[in-house]
Amino acid sequence: MVGLIAATTVDLAFVTAARVPSLAVAVSIFVAALAFLYAWKNKLNIAVAIIGAGVAGWLLMPSGA
């Protein structure tokens, strides 16, 4: 089971790295979300981290449209 999760994570990382306009911004958002999840122990932390990462990506990355 752990191998399947690891393989999926690696595959998602490669696909994401190829598709995001700025890899540095994407990694920064990811690291900030992980730090937030580690620091804030609450039932809502996952939902807030997902929404916050989405908003950060929307604000910091060009839409391409």
N, C-alpha and C. Protein backbone atom coordinates (compact mmCIF):
# COMPACT_ATOMS: atom_id res chain seq x y z
N MET A 1 0.82 -1.20 0.00
CA MET A 1 0.00 0.00 0.00
C MET A 1 0.87 1.26 0.00
N VAL A 2 1.94 1.23 0.77
CA VAL A 2 2.82 2.40 0.83
C VAL A 2 3.48 2.65 -0.52
N GLY A 3 3.83 1.59 -1.23
CA GLY A 3 4.43 1.72 -2.55
C GLY A 3 3.48 2.38 -3.54
N LEU A 4 2.20 2.05 -3.46
CA LEU A 4 1.21 2.66 -4.34
C LEU A 4 1.07 4.15 -4.05
N ILE A 5 1.06 4.51 -2.78
CA ILE A 5 0.98 5.93 -2.41
C ILE A 5 2.23 6.67 -2.87
N ALA A 6 3.39 6.06 -2.69
CA ALA A 6 4.64 6.70 -3.11
C ALA A 6 4.69 6.87 -4.62
N ALA A 7 4.28 5.84 -5.36
CA ALA A 7 4.29 5.93 -6.83
C ALA A 7 3.32 7.00 -7.32
N THR A 8 2.16 7.08 -6.70
CA THR A 8 1.18 8.10 -7.08
C THR A 8 1.72 9.49 -6.77
N THR A 9 2.38 9.65 -5.64
CA THR A 9 2.95 10.94 -5.26
C THR A 9 4.02 11.38 -6.25
N VAL A 10 4.89 10.47 -6.63
CA VAL A 10 5.95 10.79 -7.59
C VAL A 10 5.35 11.16 -8.94
N ASP A 11 4.36 10.40 -9.40
CA ASP A 11 3.71 10.69 -10.67
C ASP A 11 3.03 12.06 -10.64
N LEU A 12 2.31 12.35 -9.57
CA LEU A 12 1.66 13.66 -9.44
C LEU A 12 2.68 14.79 -9.40
N ALA A 13 3.82 14.56 -8.75
CA ALA A 13 4.86 15.58 -8.69
C ALA A 13 5.41 15.89 -10.08
N PHE A 14 5.66 14.86 -10.89
CA PHE A 14 6.16 15.09 -12.25
C PHE A 14 5.14 15.81 -13.12
N VAL A 15 3.89 15.41 -13.03
CA VAL A 15 2.84 16.06 -13.84
C VAL A 15 2.66 17.50 -13.41
N THR A 16 2.66 17.75 -12.11
CA THR A 16 2.50 19.12 -11.61
C THR A 16 3.68 19.98 -12.02
N ALA A 17 4.89 19.45 -11.91
CA ALA A 17 6.08 20.22 -12.29
C ALA A 17 6.06 20.61 -13.76
N ALA A 18 5.48 19.77 -14.59
CA ALA A 18 5.42 20.06 -16.02
C ALA A 18 4.33 21.07 -16.37
N ARG A 19 3.32 21.20 -15.53
CA ARG A 19 2.15 22.01 -15.88
C ARG A 19 2.06 23.37 -15.21
N VAL A 20 2.73 23.57 -14.09
CA VAL A 20 2.61 24.85 -13.40
C VAL A 20 3.48 25.89 -14.08
N PRO A 21 3.02 27.15 -14.12
CA PRO A 21 3.82 28.18 -14.77
C PRO A 21 5.09 28.53 -13.99
N SER A 22 5.05 28.41 -12.68
CA SER A 22 6.22 28.72 -11.86
C SER A 22 6.39 27.64 -10.80
N LEU A 23 7.41 26.82 -10.97
CA LEU A 23 7.64 25.74 -10.02
C LEU A 23 8.02 26.27 -8.64
N ALA A 24 8.74 27.38 -8.59
CA ALA A 24 9.15 27.95 -7.30
C ALA A 24 7.93 28.39 -6.49
N VAL A 25 6.96 29.01 -7.16
CA VAL A 25 5.74 29.45 -6.46
C VAL A 25 4.95 28.23 -6.00
N ALA A 26 4.84 27.22 -6.84
CA ALA A 26 4.09 26.02 -6.47
C ALA A 26 4.72 25.32 -5.27
N VAL A 27 6.03 25.20 -5.26
CA VAL A 27 6.72 24.57 -4.13
C VAL A 27 6.57 25.42 -2.87
N SER A 28 6.62 26.73 -3.01
CA SER A 28 6.44 27.62 -1.86
C SER A 28 5.05 27.47 -1.25
N ILE A 29 4.03 27.39 -2.10
CA ILE A 29 2.66 27.20 -1.61
C ILE A 29 2.55 25.85 -0.91
N PHE A 30 3.14 24.81 -1.48
CA PHE A 30 3.10 23.47 -0.89
C PHE A 30 3.78 23.45 0.48
N VAL A 31 4.96 24.05 0.57
CA VAL A 31 5.69 24.08 1.84
C VAL A 31 4.92 24.88 2.89
N ALA A 32 4.33 26.00 2.49
CA ALA A 32 3.54 26.81 3.42
C ALA A 32 2.33 26.02 3.93
N ALA A 33 1.68 25.27 3.03
CA ALA A 33 0.53 24.46 3.45
C ALA A 33 0.95 23.36 4.42
N LEU A 34 2.08 22.71 4.15
CA LEU A 34 2.57 21.68 5.08
C LEU A 34 2.92 22.27 6.44
N ALA A 35 3.57 23.43 6.44
CA ALA A 35 3.90 24.08 7.71
C ALA A 35 2.64 24.45 8.48
N PHE A 36 1.64 24.93 7.76
CA PHE A 36 0.37 25.28 8.39
C PHE A 36 -0.28 24.04 9.00
N LEU A 37 -0.30 22.93 8.25
CA LEU A 37 -0.91 21.71 8.77
C LEU A 37 -0.17 21.19 10.00
N TYR A 38 1.15 21.34 10.01
CA TYR A 38 1.93 20.88 11.15
C TYR A 38 1.72 21.76 12.37
N ALA A 39 1.60 23.07 12.15
CA ALA A 39 1.53 24.01 13.27
C ALA A 39 0.14 24.10 13.89
N TRP A 40 -0.91 24.02 13.09
CA TRP A 40 -2.26 24.25 13.59
C TRP A 40 -2.97 22.92 13.76
N LYS A 41 -3.20 22.52 14.99
CA LYS A 41 -3.86 21.25 15.28
C LYS A 41 -5.34 21.52 15.51
N ASN A 42 -6.14 21.29 14.48
CA ASN A 42 -7.57 21.55 14.55
C ASN A 42 -8.26 20.64 13.53
N LYS A 43 -9.56 20.41 13.73
CA LYS A 43 -10.30 19.59 12.78
C LYS A 43 -10.43 20.26 11.42
N LEU A 44 -10.39 21.57 11.39
CA LEU A 44 -10.59 22.30 10.14
C LEU A 44 -9.30 22.58 9.38
N ASN A 45 -8.15 22.14 9.90
CA ASN A 45 -6.88 22.54 9.27
C ASN A 45 -6.73 22.03 7.84
N ILE A 46 -7.23 20.86 7.52
CA ILE A 46 -7.09 20.34 6.16
C ILE A 46 -7.92 21.16 5.19
N ALA A 47 -9.17 21.45 5.56
CA ALA A 47 -10.03 22.25 4.68
C ALA A 47 -9.46 23.65 4.49
N VAL A 48 -8.99 24.26 5.56
CA VAL A 48 -8.42 25.61 5.47
C VAL A 48 -7.14 25.60 4.63
N ALA A 49 -6.31 24.57 4.78
CA ALA A 49 -5.08 24.49 3.99
C ALA A 49 -5.38 24.32 2.50
N ILE A 50 -6.37 23.51 2.16
CA ILE A 50 -6.73 23.31 0.75
C ILE A 50 -7.28 24.59 0.16
N ILE A 51 -8.19 25.24 0.87
CA ILE A 51 -8.76 26.50 0.38
C ILE A 51 -7.69 27.57 0.29
N GLY A 52 -6.84 27.66 1.31
CA GLY A 52 -5.77 28.66 1.30
C GLY A 52 -4.78 28.44 0.18
N ALA A 53 -4.41 27.19 -0.08
CA ALA A 53 -3.49 26.89 -1.18
C ALA A 53 -4.12 27.22 -2.53
N GLY A 54 -5.42 26.94 -2.66
CA GLY A 54 -6.11 27.29 -3.90
C GLY A 54 -6.16 28.78 -4.14
N VAL A 55 -6.46 29.52 -3.10
CA VAL A 55 -6.50 30.99 -3.22
C VAL A 55 -5.10 31.53 -3.51
N ALA A 56 -4.09 31.00 -2.83
CA ALA A 56 -2.72 31.46 -3.07
C ALA A 56 -2.30 31.17 -4.51
N GLY A 57 -2.62 30.00 -5.02
CA GLY A 57 -2.30 29.68 -6.41
C GLY A 57 -3.03 30.58 -7.38
N TRP A 58 -4.28 30.87 -7.08
CA TRP A 58 -5.08 31.75 -7.95
C TRP A 58 -4.50 33.16 -7.97
N LEU A 59 -4.03 33.63 -6.82
CA LEU A 59 -3.49 34.99 -6.74
C LEU A 59 -2.06 35.10 -7.27
N LEU A 60 -1.24 34.08 -7.05
CA LEU A 60 0.19 34.18 -7.35
C LEU A 60 0.59 33.66 -8.72
N MET A 61 -0.26 32.87 -9.35
CA MET A 61 0.11 32.31 -10.65
C MET A 61 -0.75 32.91 -11.75
N PRO A 62 -0.13 33.23 -12.88
CA PRO A 62 -0.92 33.78 -13.99
C PRO A 62 -1.88 32.73 -14.54
N SER A 63 -3.04 33.20 -14.97
CA SER A 63 -4.07 32.27 -15.43
C SER A 63 -3.80 31.74 -16.82
N GLY A 64 -3.07 32.45 -17.62
CA GLY A 64 -2.79 32.01 -18.97
C GLY A 64 -3.91 32.29 -19.95
N ALA A 65 -4.95 32.96 -19.51
CA ALA A 65 -6.09 33.24 -20.40
C ALA A 65 -5.93 34.57 -21.08
